């Protein structure tokens, strides 16, 4: 009995959801976003910035000089250039 009730609710839910998704496929908003996403993207140049920070590593205090490179696809790359131990 439980299985029959669950199955009928699933079929009923599918009947309600399916027609609304068919209407959404033909909407002009969806078509416009599909056209803009297919447009070629323009890639910019890389941009690098050098920064300094003081960190605790291995139980000691260090001054790190690191380079942040901003890539054209939105990602960043961080690379430590030098690490100098500081006094207390």
Protein backbone atom coordinates (compact mmCIF):
# COMPACT_ATOMS: atom_id res chain seq x y z
CA UNK A 1 0.00 0.00 0.00
CA UNK A 2 2.81 2.40 0.88
CA UNK A 3 4.57 1.70 -2.39
CA UNK A 4 1.42 2.47 -4.37
CA UNK A 5 0.95 5.81 -2.60
CA UNK A 6 4.61 6.79 -3.07
CA UNK A 7 4.54 5.77 -6.73
CA UNK A 8 1.36 7.75 -7.41
CA UNK A 9 2.86 10.84 -5.71
CA UNK A 10 6.00 10.51 -7.84
CA UNK A 11 3.95 10.30 -11.06
CA UNK A 12 1.82 13.24 -9.99
CA UNK A 13 4.90 15.33 -9.19
CA UNK A 14 6.47 14.45 -12.53
CA UNK A 15 3.28 15.52 -14.28
CA UNK A 16 3.40 18.92 -12.57
CA UNK A 17 7.12 19.57 -13.06
CA UNK A 18 7.47 18.40 -16.70
CA UNK A 19 5.10 20.94 -18.35
CA UNK A 20 6.67 23.88 -16.51
CA UNK A 21 10.16 22.88 -17.70
CA UNK A 22 8.92 22.68 -21.31
CA UNK A 23 7.67 26.26 -21.08
CA UNK A 24 10.98 27.43 -19.62
CA UNK A 25 12.94 26.00 -22.55
CA UNK A 26 11.08 28.22 -25.01
CA UNK A 27 11.36 31.44 -23.03
CA UNK A 28 13.39 34.27 -24.59
CA UNK A 29 15.48 34.67 -21.44
CA UNK A 30 16.89 31.17 -21.80
CA UNK A 31 17.61 31.69 -25.49
CA UNK A 32 19.41 34.97 -24.80
CA UNK A 33 21.66 33.43 -22.14
CA UNK A 34 22.52 30.56 -24.48
CA UNK A 35 23.59 33.03 -27.16
CA UNK A 36 25.75 35.10 -24.83
CA UNK A 37 27.49 32.07 -23.35
CA UNK A 38 28.42 30.86 -26.84
CA UNK A 39 30.10 34.18 -27.64
CA UNK A 40 33.90 34.07 -27.66
CA UNK A 41 35.52 35.35 -24.50
CA UNK A 42 38.31 37.90 -24.57
CA UNK A 43 41.24 36.94 -22.43
CA UNK A 44 43.17 39.70 -20.73
CA UNK A 45 46.81 39.69 -19.73
CA UNK A 46 48.34 38.30 -16.57
CA UNK A 47 48.94 40.72 -13.74
CA UNK A 48 51.46 40.13 -10.96
CA UNK A 49 51.73 41.88 -7.60
CA UNK A 50 54.45 41.41 -4.98
CA UNK A 51 53.45 41.51 -1.30
CA UNK A 52 55.12 41.03 2.09
CA UNK A 53 53.66 39.34 5.15
CA UNK A 54 54.92 38.19 8.54
CA UNK A 55 54.03 34.58 9.39
CA UNK A 56 54.76 31.96 11.99
CA UNK A 57 56.25 28.83 10.46
CA UNK A 58 57.96 25.95 12.23
CA UNK A 59 57.70 27.76 15.57
CA UNK A 60 59.56 30.83 14.32
CA UNK A 61 58.63 34.18 12.85
CA UNK A 62 59.44 34.88 9.19
CA UNK A 63 58.96 37.69 6.70
CA UNK A 64 57.72 36.22 3.44
CA UNK A 65 57.84 38.01 0.12
CA UNK A 66 55.34 36.44 -2.24
CA UNK A 67 54.01 37.10 -5.72
CA UNK A 68 50.33 36.95 -6.57
CA UNK A 69 49.62 36.38 -10.25
CA UNK A 70 46.09 37.08 -11.42
CA UNK A 71 45.36 34.83 -14.40
CA UNK A 72 42.99 35.76 -17.24
CA UNK A 73 40.46 33.07 -16.32
CA UNK A 74 39.89 34.54 -12.84
CA UNK A 75 42.20 32.24 -10.90
CA UNK A 76 45.14 33.37 -8.79
CA UNK A 77 48.56 31.83 -8.30
CA UNK A 78 50.55 32.57 -5.14
CA UNK A 79 54.27 31.81 -5.00
CA UNK A 80 56.64 32.52 -2.10
CA UNK A 81 59.75 34.29 -3.44
CA UNK A 82 61.76 34.52 -0.22
CA UNK A 83 61.42 33.73 3.48
CA UNK A 84 63.68 35.55 5.96
CA UNK A 85 63.79 34.64 9.63
CA UNK A 86 63.09 37.51 12.03
CA UNK A 87 64.33 37.97 15.54
CA UNK A 88 61.96 37.80 18.48
